[in-house]
Amino acid sequence: MEVIIDLGNIWESLSAIGTIGAVVVSLYLSRKDSINEVRVST
């Protein structure tokens, strides 16, 4: 049995996961800010 690990694909996957995580966090923070503005203005 031969196991071959291609690290290039692993790093690309980790990069994609990190990018998606950054987008989710930025959307969460922007939504949180807009909710606070609505609460203050009402």
PDB file of N, CA and C in Angstrom:
ATOM      1  N   MET A   1       0.852  -1.187   0.000  1.00  0.00           N
ATOM      2  CA  MET A   1       0.000   0.000   0.000  1.00  0.00           C
ATOM      3  C   MET A   1       0.887   1.237   0.000  1.00  0.00           C
ATOM      4  N   GLU A   2       0.586   2.165  -0.866  1.00  0.00           N
ATOM      5  CA  GLU A   2       1.407   3.363  -1.012  1.00  0.00           C
ATOM      6  C   GLU A   2       0.551   4.597  -0.732  1.00  0.00           C
ATOM      7  N   VAL A   3       1.025   5.441   0.180  1.00  0.00           N
ATOM      8  CA  VAL A   3       0.308   6.663   0.530  1.00  0.00           C
ATOM      9  C   VAL A   3       1.106   7.852   0.022  1.00  0.00           C
ATOM     10  N   ILE A   4       0.479   8.649  -0.806  1.00  0.00           N
ATOM     11  CA  ILE A   4       1.130   9.845  -1.349  1.00  0.00           C
ATOM     12  C   ILE A   4       0.339  11.067  -0.894  1.00  0.00           C
ATOM     13  N   ILE A   5       1.021  11.990  -0.252  1.00  0.00           N
ATOM     14  CA  ILE A   5       0.376  13.213   0.221  1.00  0.00           C
ATOM     15  C   ILE A   5       0.907  14.378  -0.602  1.00  0.00           C
ATOM     16  N   ASP A   6       0.014  15.087  -1.264  1.00  0.00           N
ATOM     17  CA  ASP A   6       0.392  16.252  -2.062  1.00  0.00           C
ATOM     18  C   ASP A   6       0.131  17.501  -1.225  1.00  0.00           C
ATOM     19  N   LEU A   7       1.201  18.108  -0.704  1.00  0.00           N
ATOM     20  CA  LEU A   7       1.044  19.260   0.184  1.00  0.00           C
ATOM     21  C   LEU A   7       0.503  20.487  -0.534  1.00  0.00           C
ATOM     22  N   GLY A   8       0.673  20.571  -1.822  1.00  0.00           N
ATOM     23  CA  GLY A   8       0.145  21.709  -2.570  1.00  0.00           C
ATOM     24  C   GLY A   8      -1.362  21.822  -2.420  1.00  0.00           C
ATOM     25  N   ASN A   9      -2.050  20.705  -2.516  1.00  0.00           N
ATOM     26  CA  ASN A   9      -3.503  20.730  -2.382  1.00  0.00           C
ATOM     27  C   ASN A   9      -3.924  21.074  -0.959  1.00  0.00           C
ATOM     28  N   ILE A  10      -3.167  20.610   0.020  1.00  0.00           N
ATOM     29  CA  ILE A  10      -3.496  20.920   1.415  1.00  0.00           C
ATOM     30  C   ILE A  10      -3.377  22.417   1.656  1.00  0.00           C
ATOM     31  N   TRP A  11      -2.301  23.033   1.177  1.00  0.00           N
ATOM     32  CA  TRP A  11      -2.120  24.472   1.401  1.00  0.00           C
ATOM     33  C   TRP A  11      -3.170  25.283   0.657  1.00  0.00           C
ATOM     34  N   GLU A  12      -3.545  24.841  -0.540  1.00  0.00           N
ATOM     35  CA  GLU A  12      -4.599  25.539  -1.277  1.00  0.00           C
ATOM     36  C   GLU A  12      -5.928  25.432  -0.532  1.00  0.00           C
ATOM     37  N   SER A  13      -6.194  24.274   0.042  1.00  0.00           N
ATOM     38  CA  SER A  13      -7.434  24.092   0.802  1.00  0.00           C
ATOM     39  C   SER A  13      -7.445  24.975   2.040  1.00  0.00           C
ATOM     40  N   LEU A  14      -6.324  25.009   2.763  1.00  0.00           N
ATOM     41  CA  LEU A  14      -6.255  25.860   3.951  1.00  0.00           C
ATOM     42  C   LEU A  14      -6.398  27.332   3.584  1.00  0.00           C
ATOM     43  N   SER A  15      -5.838  27.734   2.471  1.00  0.00           N
ATOM     44  CA  SER A  15      -5.963  29.115   2.010  1.00  0.00           C
ATOM     45  C   SER A  15      -7.417  29.447   1.689  1.00  0.00           C
ATOM     46  N   ALA A  16      -8.104  28.528   1.037  1.00  0.00           N
ATOM     47  CA  ALA A  16      -9.512  28.750   0.704  1.00  0.00           C
ATOM     48  C   ALA A  16     -10.363  28.837   1.964  1.00  0.00           C
ATOM     49  N   ILE A  17     -10.097  27.966   2.934  1.00  0.00           N
ATOM     50  CA  ILE A  17     -10.847  28.000   4.190  1.00  0.00           C
ATOM     51  C   ILE A  17     -10.596  29.314   4.922  1.00  0.00           C
ATOM     52  N   GLY A  18      -9.352  29.779   4.926  1.00  0.00           N
ATOM     53  CA  GLY A  18      -9.031  31.047   5.572  1.00  0.00           C
ATOM     54  C   GLY A  18      -9.715  32.218   4.897  1.00  0.00           C
ATOM     55  N   THR A  19      -9.776  32.196   3.577  1.00  0.00           N
ATOM     56  CA  THR A  19     -10.441  33.270   2.842  1.00  0.00           C
ATOM     57  C   THR A  19     -11.933  33.296   3.146  1.00  0.00           C
ATOM     58  N   ILE A  20     -12.554  32.132   3.145  1.00  0.00           N
ATOM     59  CA  ILE A  20     -13.983  32.054   3.454  1.00  0.00           C
ATOM     60  C   ILE A  20     -14.238  32.520   4.884  1.00  0.00           C
ATOM     61  N   GLY A  21     -13.366  32.132   5.805  1.00  0.00           N
ATOM     62  CA  GLY A  21     -13.510  32.569   7.193  1.00  0.00           C
ATOM     63  C   GLY A  21     -13.412  34.074   7.325  1.00  0.00           C
ATOM     64  N   ALA A  22     -12.488  34.691   6.597  1.00  0.00           N
ATOM     65  CA  ALA A  22     -12.336  36.146   6.654  1.00  0.00           C
ATOM     66  C   ALA A  22     -13.578  36.846   6.108  1.00  0.00           C
ATOM     67  N   VAL A  23     -14.151  36.311   5.048  1.00  0.00           N
ATOM     68  CA  VAL A  23     -15.366  36.905   4.477  1.00  0.00           C
ATOM     69  C   VAL A  23     -16.526  36.790   5.454  1.00  0.00           C
ATOM     70  N   VAL A  24     -16.676  35.634   6.084  1.00  0.00           N
ATOM     71  CA  VAL A  24     -17.767  35.435   7.043  1.00  0.00           C
ATOM     72  C   VAL A  24     -17.622  36.393   8.219  1.00  0.00           C
ATOM     73  N   VAL A  25     -16.410  36.543   8.742  1.00  0.00           N
ATOM     74  CA  VAL A  25     -16.188  37.444   9.877  1.00  0.00           C
ATOM     75  C   VAL A  25     -16.475  38.882   9.478  1.00  0.00           C
ATOM     76  N   SER A  26     -16.033  39.305   8.301  1.00  0.00           N
ATOM     77  CA  SER A  26     -16.273  40.684   7.876  1.00  0.00           C
ATOM     78  C   SER A  26     -17.764  40.946   7.668  1.00  0.00           C
ATOM     79  N   LEU A  27     -18.483  39.982   7.109  1.00  0.00           N
ATOM     80  CA  LEU A  27     -19.928  40.160   6.949  1.00  0.00           C
ATOM     81  C   LEU A  27     -20.628  40.205   8.302  1.00  0.00           C
ATOM     82  N   TYR A  28     -20.195  39.382   9.237  1.00  0.00           N
ATOM     83  CA  TYR A  28     -20.785  39.390  10.576  1.00  0.00           C
ATOM     84  C   TYR A  28     -20.563  40.735  11.259  1.00  0.00           C
ATOM     85  N   LEU A  29     -19.333  41.246  11.167  1.00  0.00           N
ATOM     86  CA  LEU A  29     -19.031  42.520  11.820  1.00  0.00           C
ATOM     87  C   LEU A  29     -19.784  43.674  11.167  1.00  0.00           C
ATOM     88  N   SER A  30     -19.923  43.673   9.850  1.00  0.00           N
ATOM     89  CA  SER A  30     -20.657  44.754   9.186  1.00  0.00           C
ATOM     90  C   SER A  30     -22.141  44.678   9.532  1.00  0.00           C
ATOM     91  N   ARG A  31     -22.676  43.483   9.663  1.00  0.00           N
ATOM     92  CA  ARG A  31     -24.085  43.329  10.046  1.00  0.00           C
ATOM     93  C   ARG A  31     -24.286  43.780  11.487  1.00  0.00           C
ATOM     94  N   LYS A  32     -23.353  43.451  12.336  1.00  0.00           N
ATOM     95  CA  LYS A  32     -23.441  43.853  13.739  1.00  0.00           C
ATOM     96  C   LYS A  32     -23.426  45.376  13.861  1.00  0.00           C
ATOM     97  N   ASP A  33     -22.578  46.053  13.081  1.00  0.00           N
ATOM     98  CA  ASP A  33     -22.523  47.510  13.109  1.00  0.00           C
ATOM     99  C   ASP A  33     -23.827  48.122  12.611  1.00  0.00           C
ATOM    100  N   SER A  34     -24.417  47.559  11.567  1.00  0.00           N
ATOM    101  CA  SER A  34     -25.654  48.129  11.031  1.00  0.00           C
ATOM    102  C   SER A  34     -26.809  47.925  12.007  1.00  0.00           C
ATOM    103  N   ILE A  35     -26.822  46.813  12.728  1.00  0.00           N
ATOM    104  CA  ILE A  35     -27.872  46.591  13.725  1.00  0.00           C
ATOM    105  C   ILE A  35     -27.750  47.620  14.845  1.00  0.00           C
ATOM    106  N   ASN A  36     -26.530  47.914  15.277  1.00  0.00           N
ATOM    107  CA  ASN A  36     -26.344  48.902  16.328  1.00  0.00           C
ATOM    108  C   ASN A  36     -26.783  50.287  15.870  1.00  0.00           C
ATOM    109  N   GLU A  37     -26.536  50.646  14.610  1.00  0.00           N
ATOM    110  CA  GLU A  37     -26.950  51.945  14.106  1.00  0.00           C
ATOM    111  C   GLU A  37     -28.469  52.053  14.086  1.00  0.00           C
ATOM    112  N   VAL A  38     -29.156  50.979  13.735  1.00  0.00           N
ATOM    113  CA  VAL A  38     -30.616  51.006  13.695  1.00  0.00           C
ATOM    114  C   VAL A  38     -31.160  51.173  15.102  1.00  0.00           C
ATOM    115  N   ARG A  39     -30.583  50.498  16.056  1.00  0.00           N
ATOM    116  CA  ARG A  39     -31.063  50.602  17.427  1.00  0.00           C
ATOM    117  C   ARG A  39     -30.847  52.001  17.988  1.00  0.00           C
ATOM    118  N   VAL A  40     -29.747  52.631  17.628  1.00  0.00           N
ATOM    119  CA  VAL A  40     -29.462  53.966  18.141  1.00  0.00           C
ATOM    120  C   VAL A  40     -30.391  54.986  17.506  1.00  0.00           C
ATOM    121  N   SER A  41     -30.720  54.834  16.227  1.00  0.00           N
ATOM    122  CA  SER A  41     -31.515  55.834  15.525  1.00  0.00           C
ATOM    123  C   SER A  41     -33.008  55.720  15.824  1.00  0.00           C
ATOM    124  N   THR A  42     -33.484  54.601  16.391  1.00  0.00           N
ATOM    125  CA  THR A  42     -34.924  54.476  16.630  1.00  0.00           C
ATOM    126  C   THR A  42     -35.320  54.935  17.998  1.00  0.00           C
TER     127      THR A  42
END
